[in-house]
Protein backbone atom coordinates (compact mmCIF):
# COMPACT_ATOMS: atom_id res chain seq x y z
CA MET A 1 -16.21 25.26 39.11
CA ASN A 2 -12.66 27.41 37.98
CA ASP A 3 -10.55 29.88 41.05
CA ARG A 4 -11.51 32.88 39.86
CA ARG A 5 -15.19 31.88 40.48
CA ARG A 6 -14.20 30.61 43.84
CA LEU A 7 -12.03 33.07 44.62
CA LEU A 8 -15.03 35.54 43.68
CA ILE A 9 -17.81 33.66 45.85
CA LEU A 10 -15.17 33.49 48.67
CA SER A 11 -14.60 37.00 48.40
CA VAL A 12 -18.40 37.86 48.69
CA LEU A 13 -19.14 35.56 51.24
CA VAL A 14 -16.35 37.40 53.47
CA LEU A 15 -16.62 40.88 52.93
CA SER A 16 -20.37 40.32 53.24
CA GLY A 17 -20.22 38.71 56.93
CA VAL A 18 -17.95 41.57 57.75
CA SER A 19 -20.04 44.07 56.64
CA PHE A 20 -22.76 42.53 58.35
CA ALA A 21 -20.62 42.36 61.45
CA ALA A 22 -19.61 45.71 61.43
CA VAL A 23 -23.14 47.24 60.99
CA ALA A 24 -24.51 45.20 63.71
CA VAL A 25 -21.55 46.84 66.28
CA THR A 26 -22.21 50.05 65.27
CA ALA A 27 -25.48 49.98 65.81
CA TYR A 28 -25.63 48.19 69.14
CA HIS A 29 -22.80 50.87 70.34
CA LEU A 30 -25.55 53.55 68.61
CA ALA A 31 -28.43 52.51 69.99
CA PRO A 32 -30.48 53.76 72.78
CA ALA A 33 -29.15 54.06 76.36
CA GLU A 34 -31.90 51.17 78.10
CA ALA A 35 -30.94 49.41 75.16
CA LYS A 36 -27.51 48.68 76.46
CA LEU A 37 -25.85 46.50 78.55
CA VAL A 38 -23.09 49.09 79.44
CA GLN A 39 -24.07 52.93 79.87
CA ARG A 40 -21.12 55.41 77.80
CA PRO A 41 -21.67 58.65 77.13
CA LEU A 42 -22.64 59.24 73.42
CA ALA A 43 -18.60 60.54 72.65
CA GLU A 44 -17.38 57.64 73.55
CA SER A 45 -19.77 55.25 72.05
CA LEU A 46 -19.35 56.66 69.09
CA ARG A 47 -15.31 56.33 69.15
CA PHE A 48 -16.01 52.46 70.76
CA ALA A 49 -18.08 51.79 67.72
CA VAL A 50 -15.56 53.19 65.47
CA GLY A 51 -13.02 51.13 67.16
CA SER A 52 -14.72 47.55 66.89
CA THR A 53 -16.18 48.33 63.68
CA ALA A 54 -11.82 48.86 62.09
CA VAL A 55 -10.78 45.71 64.11
CA VAL A 56 -13.73 43.36 62.36
CA VAL A 57 -13.03 45.01 59.24
CA PHE A 58 -9.40 44.58 59.82
CA ALA A 59 -10.15 40.89 61.16
CA GLY A 60 -12.14 40.08 57.74
CA ALA A 61 -9.65 41.46 55.65
CA THR A 62 -7.05 38.95 57.31
CA LEU A 63 -9.26 36.20 56.81
CA LEU A 64 -9.90 36.82 53.11
CA LEU A 65 -6.24 37.19 52.55
CA ARG A 66 -5.28 34.02 54.34
CA ALA A 67 -8.57 31.64 52.44
CA SER A 68 -7.66 33.47 49.49
CA GLN A 69 -4.51 33.03 49.31
CA PRO A 70 -4.21 29.30 47.74
CA PHE A 71 -6.64 30.18 45.29
CA ILE A 72 -4.55 33.40 44.03
CA ARG A 73 -1.12 31.54 44.39
CA ARG A 74 -2.93 29.20 41.59
CA LEU A 75 -4.09 31.95 39.22
CA GLN A 76 -0.76 33.08 39.44
CA GLU A 77 0.98 29.91 39.02
CA SER A 78 -1.61 29.51 35.40
CA GLU A 79 -1.16 32.84 34.24
CA ALA A 80 2.35 32.23 34.15
CA GLN A 81 1.90 28.77 32.88
CA THR A 82 -0.19 30.17 30.23
CA ARG A 83 2.14 33.13 29.39
CA ALA A 84 4.90 30.72 28.86
CA ILE A 85 2.85 28.36 26.37
CA VAL A 86 1.90 31.56 24.63
CA GLU A 87 5.58 32.98 24.32
CA ALA A 88 6.95 29.89 23.71
CA ALA A 89 4.82 28.74 20.85
CA VAL A 90 5.98 27.99 17.58
CA ASP A 91 2.70 28.95 15.95
CA GLY A 92 1.45 32.42 15.71
CA LEU A 93 -1.08 33.31 18.45
CA ILE A 94 -3.15 36.55 18.12
CA THR A 95 -6.08 37.74 20.43
CA THR A 96 -8.63 40.54 19.06
CA ASP A 97 -12.18 42.13 20.31
CA ASP A 98 -15.21 41.92 18.74
CA ARG A 99 -14.17 44.79 16.33
CA GLY A 100 -11.29 42.71 15.23
CA ILE A 101 -8.74 44.97 17.11
CA VAL A 102 -5.32 43.22 18.18
CA CYS A 103 -5.26 42.86 21.92
CA SER A 104 -2.22 40.22 21.87
CA PHE A 105 0.60 39.61 19.83
CA ASN A 106 2.66 36.95 20.89
CA PRO A 107 6.57 36.63 20.12
CA ALA A 108 5.89 33.42 17.09
CA ALA A 109 3.37 36.16 15.48
CA GLU A 110 6.77 39.06 16.08
CA ARG A 111 8.64 36.83 14.13
CA LEU A 112 6.07 35.88 11.95
CA PHE A 113 5.08 38.91 10.42
CA GLY A 114 7.82 40.87 11.58
CA TYR A 115 6.16 43.63 13.69
CA SER A 116 6.60 44.05 17.08
CA ALA A 117 3.70 43.58 19.68
CA ALA A 118 3.99 47.42 20.48
CA GLU A 119 3.50 48.28 16.95
CA ILE A 120 0.73 45.92 16.31
CA VAL A 121 -1.11 46.04 19.45
CA GLY A 122 -4.46 48.10 19.07
CA GLN A 123 -4.27 47.49 15.15
CA ASP A 124 -6.89 46.26 13.17
CA VAL A 125 -6.01 42.56 12.67
CA VAL A 126 -6.47 43.45 8.65
CA VAL A 127 -3.01 45.16 9.20
CA VAL A 128 -1.50 41.56 9.08
CA ILE A 129 -4.37 39.15 7.78
CA GLN A 130 -5.01 40.54 4.54
CA ARG A 131 -8.45 38.00 3.65
CA GLN A 132 -9.50 34.48 4.91
CA GLU A 133 -11.48 31.80 2.94
CA PRO A 134 -11.61 28.04 3.82
CA VAL A 135 -9.08 25.87 2.42
CA GLY A 136 -10.45 24.20 -0.75
CA GLY A 137 -13.72 25.98 -0.37
CA ASP A 138 -16.07 26.04 2.27
CA ASP A 139 -16.44 22.23 3.34
CA ALA A 140 -13.07 22.25 4.40
CA SER A 141 -13.01 24.48 7.31
CA SER A 142 -14.43 22.68 10.30
CA THR A 143 -16.57 24.26 13.37
CA ARG A 144 -16.64 22.45 15.85
CA ARG A 145 -17.59 23.69 20.41
CA SER A 146 -15.76 22.63 22.95
CA SER A 147 -16.95 20.39 26.32
CA ALA A 148 -16.57 24.52 28.46
CA GLY A 149 -18.87 26.74 28.11
CA GLY A 150 -19.83 26.60 24.26
CA ARG A 151 -17.02 28.30 22.94
CA ARG A 152 -17.10 28.01 19.07
CA VAL A 153 -13.53 26.80 17.55
CA THR A 154 -13.35 27.20 13.77
CA SER A 155 -10.03 25.15 12.12
CA GLY A 156 -8.78 25.08 8.65
CA VAL A 157 -9.24 28.17 7.31
CA GLU A 158 -6.57 29.44 4.94
CA ALA A 159 -5.72 33.36 5.21
CA THR A 160 -3.17 35.43 3.61
CA GLY A 161 -0.62 37.36 5.55
CA ARG A 162 1.46 40.27 5.00
CA ARG A 163 4.82 40.98 6.13
CA ARG A 164 6.07 44.29 7.86
CA ASP A 165 8.34 44.28 4.29
CA GLY A 166 5.25 43.99 2.40
CA SER A 167 5.76 40.57 1.00
CA THR A 168 3.08 38.18 1.49
CA PHE A 169 2.31 34.44 2.44
CA PRO A 170 -0.59 31.65 2.79
CA VAL A 171 -1.36 30.99 6.67
CA GLU A 172 -3.54 28.22 7.96
CA LEU A 173 -5.72 29.81 11.22
CA SER A 174 -7.77 27.82 13.71
CA ILE A 175 -9.71 30.81 15.88
CA GLY A 176 -11.70 30.64 18.93
CA GLU A 177 -14.14 32.40 19.94
CA HIS A 178 -14.49 33.00 24.12
CA HIS A 179 -15.44 36.18 26.13
CA GLN A 180 -13.67 38.33 28.49
CA GLY A 181 -16.84 39.35 30.66
CA GLU A 182 -19.32 39.90 28.42
CA ARG A 183 -16.54 41.15 26.22
CA PRO A 184 -16.58 38.83 22.88
CA MET A 185 -13.23 38.06 21.77
CA GLN A 186 -11.40 35.66 19.41
CA THR A 187 -8.36 33.82 19.75
CA THR A 188 -6.50 33.25 16.25
CA VAL A 189 -3.53 30.40 16.23
CA VAL A 190 -1.25 31.48 12.94
CA ARG A 191 0.29 28.75 11.02
CA ASP A 192 2.88 29.46 8.10
CA ILE A 193 2.12 26.71 5.30
CA THR A 194 4.38 27.72 2.48
CA ASP A 195 6.24 24.63 2.45
CA ARG A 196 3.20 23.10 2.69
CA LYS A 197 1.71 24.74 -0.24
CA GLN A 198 4.64 24.26 -2.09
CA ALA A 199 4.74 20.68 -1.19
CA ASP A 200 1.41 20.23 -2.63
CA ASP A 201 2.06 22.14 -6.11
CA ARG A 202 4.87 19.71 -5.88
CA THR A 203 2.50 16.89 -5.49
CA ARG A 204 0.08 17.90 -7.89
CA ALA A 205 2.86 18.57 -10.83
CA HIS A 206 4.01 14.72 -10.03
CA MET A 207 0.95 13.36 -9.59
CA GLU A 208 0.25 15.22 -13.35
CA ARG A 209 2.61 14.15 -14.89
CA LEU A 210 2.64 10.18 -13.70
CA GLN A 211 -0.94 10.78 -15.17
CA SER A 212 0.43 11.60 -18.71
CA VAL A 213 2.84 8.66 -18.09
CA THR A 214 0.46 6.02 -17.07
CA GLU A 215 -1.89 7.44 -19.80
CA SER A 216 1.23 6.58 -22.37
CA LEU A 217 2.14 3.66 -21.03
CA GLU A 218 -1.47 2.01 -21.75
CA ALA A 219 -1.69 3.47 -24.48
CA LYS A 220 1.82 1.75 -25.60
CA ALA A 221 0.80 -1.23 -23.85
CA ALA A 222 -2.60 -1.32 -25.78
CA GLU A 223 -1.02 -0.81 -28.90
CA LEU A 224 1.90 -3.67 -28.02
CA ALA A 225 -1.47 -5.46 -27.24
CA ARG A 226 -3.00 -5.39 -30.40
CA ALA A 227 0.70 -6.10 -31.92
CA ASN A 228 1.06 -9.55 -30.42
CA GLN A 229 -2.44 -10.61 -30.91
CA GLU A 230 -1.61 -9.52 -34.48
CA LEU A 231 1.86 -11.37 -34.56
CA ASP A 232 -0.06 -14.41 -33.37
CA ASP A 233 -2.26 -14.56 -35.81
CA PHE A 234 0.12 -14.22 -38.39
CA THR A 235 2.10 -16.85 -36.88
CA TYR A 236 -0.97 -19.24 -36.98
CA VAL A 237 -2.41 -18.32 -40.32
CA ALA A 238 1.75 -18.61 -41.44
CA SER A 239 1.97 -21.57 -40.02
CA HIS A 240 -1.04 -23.64 -41.26
CA ASP A 241 -0.93 -21.68 -45.17
CA LEU A 242 3.37 -23.10 -44.96
CA LYS A 243 2.23 -26.96 -44.01
CA GLU A 244 0.16 -27.23 -47.19
CA PRO A 245 2.85 -27.23 -49.71
CA LEU A 246 5.16 -28.59 -47.35
CA ARG A 247 3.30 -31.64 -47.03
CA GLY A 248 3.02 -31.72 -50.71
CA ILE A 249 6.77 -32.00 -51.54
CA SER A 250 7.09 -34.16 -48.54
CA SER A 251 4.66 -36.53 -50.88
CA TYR A 252 6.48 -36.07 -53.82
CA CYS A 253 9.35 -36.62 -53.00
CA GLY A 254 8.53 -40.12 -51.15
CA ILE A 255 6.72 -41.24 -54.59
CA LEU A 256 10.01 -40.36 -56.36
CA LEU A 257 11.92 -42.69 -53.79
CA GLU A 258 9.47 -45.44 -54.34
CA GLU A 259 8.46 -45.19 -57.88
CA TYR A 260 11.81 -43.90 -59.47
CA GLN A 261 14.27 -45.75 -57.11
CA THR A 262 15.55 -47.49 -59.72
CA LYS A 263 16.30 -44.43 -62.11
CA LEU A 264 18.07 -42.66 -59.24
CA ASP A 265 21.94 -43.82 -58.44
CA ASP A 266 23.39 -43.24 -54.78
CA ASN A 267 23.77 -39.99 -54.67
CA GLY A 268 19.88 -38.91 -55.77
CA ARG A 269 18.57 -41.39 -53.53
CA ARG A 270 20.66 -39.70 -50.89
CA MET A 271 19.62 -36.28 -51.61
CA MET A 272 15.77 -37.85 -52.25
CA SER A 273 15.81 -38.69 -48.56
CA THR A 274 18.10 -35.77 -46.97
CA LEU A 275 15.05 -33.76 -48.69
CA VAL A 276 11.85 -35.89 -46.93
CA ALA A 277 14.04 -35.62 -43.48
CA LEU A 278 14.05 -31.82 -44.21
CA CYS A 279 10.47 -31.43 -45.05
CA ARG A 280 9.89 -33.70 -41.64
CA ARG A 281 11.98 -31.43 -39.73
CA LEU A 282 10.27 -28.37 -41.02
CA ASP A 283 6.69 -29.61 -40.69
CA ASP A 284 8.23 -30.09 -36.64
CA LEU A 285 9.26 -26.61 -36.31
CA ILE A 286 6.14 -25.30 -37.56
CA ASP A 287 4.32 -27.30 -35.12
CA ASP A 288 6.36 -26.32 -32.53
CA LEU A 289 5.93 -22.48 -33.49
CA LEU A 290 2.26 -22.88 -33.81
CA THR A 291 2.37 -24.01 -30.38
CA TYR A 292 4.67 -21.32 -28.63
CA SER A 293 1.76 -18.98 -30.43
CA ARG A 294 -0.92 -21.02 -28.68
CA ALA A 295 1.03 -21.01 -25.78
CA GLY A 296 1.23 -17.22 -25.51
CA ARG A 297 -2.73 -16.56 -25.37
CA ALA A 298 -4.37 -16.20 -21.81
CA PRO A 299 -5.19 -19.08 -20.15
CA GLU A 300 -8.47 -20.01 -19.28
CA CYS A 301 -7.99 -20.36 -16.05
CA ALA A 302 -10.29 -23.22 -14.28
CA ASP A 303 -10.42 -25.07 -10.63
CA THR A 304 -8.07 -27.71 -12.29
CA ASP A 305 -6.90 -31.09 -10.49
CA LEU A 306 -3.65 -31.36 -11.01
CA ASP A 307 -3.19 -35.46 -10.82
CA GLU A 308 -5.93 -35.64 -13.62
CA VAL A 309 -4.05 -34.07 -16.07
CA LEU A 310 -1.03 -36.02 -15.11
CA ASP A 311 -3.37 -39.01 -15.70
CA GLY A 312 -4.07 -37.57 -19.04
CA VAL A 313 -0.85 -37.27 -19.85
CA LEU A 314 0.49 -40.40 -19.25
CA GLU A 315 -1.99 -42.39 -20.72
CA THR A 316 -0.71 -40.31 -24.31
CA LEU A 317 2.88 -40.81 -23.18
CA GLY A 318 2.21 -44.22 -22.35
CA PRO A 319 3.57 -46.07 -26.02
CA ALA A 320 6.51 -43.88 -25.77
CA ILE A 321 7.51 -44.77 -22.07
CA ASP A 322 6.87 -48.64 -23.23
CA ALA A 323 9.41 -48.18 -26.00
CA ARG A 324 11.91 -45.99 -24.10
CA GLY A 325 12.02 -48.56 -21.56
CA GLY A 326 11.20 -45.69 -18.68
CA VAL A 327 9.36 -45.33 -15.18
CA VAL A 328 7.59 -42.55 -14.38
CA ARG A 329 7.05 -41.90 -11.09
CA ARG A 330 4.25 -39.63 -8.81
CA LEU A 331 5.62 -39.18 -5.49
CA ASP A 332 2.37 -38.36 -4.14
CA ILE A 333 -0.97 -36.58 -4.34
CA LEU A 334 -1.02 -33.12 -6.13
CA PRO A 335 -2.83 -30.87 -5.32
CA ARG A 336 -5.97 -28.67 -6.87
CA VAL A 337 -4.30 -25.41 -8.88
CA GLU A 338 -5.94 -22.78 -10.90
CA ALA A 339 -4.59 -23.26 -14.64
CA ASP A 340 -5.88 -23.85 -18.25
CA PRO A 341 -5.76 -27.83 -18.18
CA THR A 342 -4.85 -28.35 -21.73
CA LEU A 343 -1.64 -25.54 -21.35
CA LEU A 344 -0.45 -27.53 -18.24
CA GLY A 345 -1.05 -30.60 -19.42
CA MET A 346 1.57 -29.43 -22.34
CA VAL A 347 4.10 -28.27 -19.74
CA LEU A 348 3.78 -31.75 -17.97
CA SER A 349 4.27 -33.70 -21.70
CA ASN A 350 7.72 -31.71 -22.08
CA LEU A 351 9.22 -31.79 -19.21
CA ILE A 352 8.60 -35.64 -19.09
CA SER A 353 9.50 -35.97 -22.78
CA ASN A 354 12.85 -34.34 -22.03
CA GLY A 355 13.28 -36.51 -18.91
CA LEU A 356 13.26 -39.45 -20.77
CA LYS A 357 14.70 -38.15 -24.20
CA PHE A 358 18.17 -36.73 -22.40
CA ASN A 359 18.93 -39.94 -20.23
CA ASP A 360 21.45 -42.78 -20.60
CA HIS A 361 20.71 -44.49 -17.91
CA ASP A 362 18.48 -47.94 -18.01
CA PRO A 363 16.19 -47.42 -16.96
CA PRO A 364 15.25 -43.47 -17.48
CA VAL A 365 13.33 -42.21 -14.45
CA VAL A 366 11.25 -39.41 -14.08
CA GLU A 367 9.70 -38.40 -10.55
CA ILE A 368 6.61 -35.92 -10.35
CA GLY A 369 6.15 -34.46 -6.99
CA CYS A 370 4.69 -30.96 -4.75
CA LEU A 371 6.94 -29.28 -2.51
CA GLU A 372 5.72 -28.10 0.59
CA GLY A 373 5.09 -24.40 1.72
CA GLU A 374 4.09 -21.29 0.08
CA PRO A 375 4.15 -20.67 -3.35
CA LEU A 376 2.52 -24.04 -4.54
CA THR A 377 5.12 -25.58 -6.20
CA ILE A 378 5.59 -28.48 -8.33
CA PHE A 379 8.69 -30.41 -9.85
CA VAL A 380 9.57 -33.16 -12.07
CA ARG A 381 12.95 -34.88 -11.44
CA ASP A 382 14.41 -37.36 -13.86
CA ASN A 383 18.24 -39.16 -13.37
CA GLY A 384 19.60 -37.89 -17.11
CA ILE A 385 22.51 -36.36 -18.47
CA GLY A 386 21.99 -33.16 -16.88
CA ILE A 387 22.51 -29.85 -17.85
CA ALA A 388 25.33 -27.54 -16.94
CA GLU A 389 24.77 -24.40 -14.69
CA LYS A 390 26.23 -22.26 -17.36
CA HIS A 391 23.56 -23.57 -19.20
CA HIS A 392 20.63 -22.85 -16.93
CA GLU A 393 18.88 -19.94 -18.70
CA ALA A 394 20.00 -21.05 -22.53
CA VAL A 395 17.45 -23.89 -22.50
CA PHE A 396 14.88 -22.12 -22.13
CA ALA A 397 15.49 -19.78 -25.13
CA MET A 398 13.45 -20.66 -28.40
CA PHE A 399 14.83 -23.68 -30.87
CA ARG A 400 18.33 -23.16 -28.59
CA ARG A 401 19.66 -26.79 -28.77
CA LEU A 402 22.76 -28.07 -26.68
CA HIS A 403 23.26 -31.22 -28.79
CA GLY A 404 23.44 -32.49 -32.24
CA ARG A 405 20.47 -33.93 -33.49
CA GLN A 406 22.12 -37.03 -34.48
CA LYS A 407 22.55 -37.53 -30.76
CA TYR A 408 19.05 -36.01 -29.71
CA GLU A 409 16.37 -35.41 -32.20
CA GLY A 410 13.81 -32.60 -31.28
CA THR A 411 13.15 -28.75 -32.26
CA GLY A 412 14.65 -27.19 -28.53
CA ALA A 413 11.26 -25.73 -28.19
CA GLY A 414 9.80 -27.57 -25.32
CA LEU A 415 11.66 -25.76 -22.32
CA SER A 416 10.32 -21.88 -23.70
CA ILE A 417 6.72 -23.36 -24.53
CA VAL A 418 7.05 -24.46 -20.54
CA ARG A 419 8.28 -21.01 -19.64
CA ARG A 420 5.18 -19.01 -21.73
CA ILE A 421 2.97 -20.97 -20.14
CA VAL A 422 3.96 -21.27 -16.99
CA GLU A 423 4.31 -16.93 -17.01
CA ARG A 424 1.41 -16.29 -18.48
CA HIS A 425 -0.15 -18.32 -15.02
CA GLY A 426 1.68 -16.14 -13.09
CA GLY A 427 4.44 -18.52 -11.87
CA ARG A 428 7.45 -18.73 -12.62
CA VAL A 429 9.81 -21.86 -13.65
CA TRP A 430 13.50 -22.60 -12.93
CA LEU A 431 15.81 -25.79 -12.75
CA GLU A 432 18.37 -27.56 -10.40
CA SER A 433 21.14 -29.45 -12.59
CA SER A 434 24.54 -30.55 -13.40
CA LEU A 435 26.41 -33.04 -15.89
CA ALA A 436 25.64 -36.59 -15.14
CA SER A 437 23.38 -35.68 -12.42
CA GLY A 438 19.81 -35.47 -13.62
CA SER A 439 18.10 -32.32 -13.64
CA THR A 440 15.01 -30.94 -11.32
CA PHE A 441 12.83 -28.03 -12.91
CA PHE A 442 10.60 -26.45 -10.67
CA PHE A 443 7.64 -24.36 -11.77
CA THR A 444 5.12 -22.53 -9.18
CA LEU A 445 1.48 -21.98 -9.95
CA PRO A 446 -1.47 -20.70 -8.10
CA PRO A 447 -3.87 -22.53 -6.12
CA ALA A 448 -7.41 -23.16 -6.60
CA ARG A 449 -9.88 -20.56 -5.28
CA ARG A 450 -12.21 -22.67 -3.70
CA THR A 451 -11.78 -25.43 -1.52
CA VAL A 452 -12.36 -29.11 -1.93
CA ALA A 453 -12.23 -32.06 -0.05
CA GLU A 454 -8.91 -34.46 -0.19
CA PRO A 455 -9.63 -37.30 -2.24
CA PRO A 456 -8.44 -40.57 -0.39
CA ARG A 457 -4.68 -40.80 -0.66
CA ARG A 458 -2.68 -42.44 -3.42
CA GLY A 459 0.07 -44.53 -3.46
CA GLU A 460 3.06 -44.35 -5.87
CA LEU A 461 2.64 -44.48 -9.48
CA VAL A 462 5.05 -46.62 -11.73
CA LEU A 463 4.35 -46.60 -15.34
CA GLY A 464 6.98 -48.52 -17.64
CA ALA A 465 7.39 -52.45 -17.76
CA ALA A 466 5.16 -53.04 -14.68
CA GLY A 467 2.19 -51.30 -16.11
CA GLN A 468 0.66 -48.51 -14.37
CA GLY A 469 -1.33 -48.99 -10.90
CA ARG A 470 -2.11 -46.60 -7.81
């Protein structure tokens, strides 16, 4: 129960009591003589009744004034607080009656529309608010009922405001319905949304441009994908077709060296041997180019046991490792990864082969392990000749060699293939090395998607003169 209602009830009770007392006193003094305890003349009784009634009324008024003082004070404080809020509000506040006539116009509304309160109060609200429609359609506005008296509040309503100079601007309204006595009223909160509208327009324009750019990029990406596919197909076909005549040239050169050796002088035999070597080198280049092309295709990823992949690689490289007198160590159990096992085998094969080939130690040693933490990182470390820091990026270029073919054979495509395969798996590859201190190649891979029970822990694997084991 609010203070106004309490004050009203108190006033009714006090006034009722005073009226009852006054009536009782008057009735007593004007009653017949036999009903009175004290006998007085009529005029004196009348004067005494009037005086007594006045005393009762005065006492009742005093009592009412004293009893209502706290309520009046709280009402005054509430009205002062409400007035301060209305006057200090940033948004315009307009109160209208059921006919749309403006009853109040706060200072923020004066600043917003350019009218003074004296000019607009008593006018129809359409003078300052031209039309109303929900923001973005009928579903954009929301209507709810407050907990006090079931008053309805409508928010999110768009309107067009008109200033005194005739200019218009967009506003957003929140309308609350209430009653003053029996008279329905509306209080409208008016907010200028010009900046928001402009921001929405800019955002919409940016989104349209972004959509256009995105569509253009998607079209270019699709075109690039088709071009890459055509290039891969061309590389595969060209490599396959080039190898056929190359085999013929190499075969005929071998026949000439074997059957016509006595008819050729030293210079002829040397040129024929060089021709055979060049054919072999070209064949290796074509093979590496074909491998690089295949490495660029989308990998067929699956849950892969890296230890099983390494076992297959070491079995394939076994004769080459023994011929080199090398040692390959698996430092610990390797994790399961989400990768293409065939392509992953090419990565390990290239890194292990390079570690053994570019090595002047006896024996050459290659170690394979896994770093702790995230992301999942595999490393291949060797005790070879090392790579100067300035060449750390260059070694990953296609057919890039840092040494002459007479000293170290090969085409220089191995690390390019390694990088391409790792990046196609969403990982990255890098190295840490310096001259004469060996090299460590790191590459990251996505872990297996499902959890697999860890197999029994393996010991160190050594492959070389001592054989292999776990």
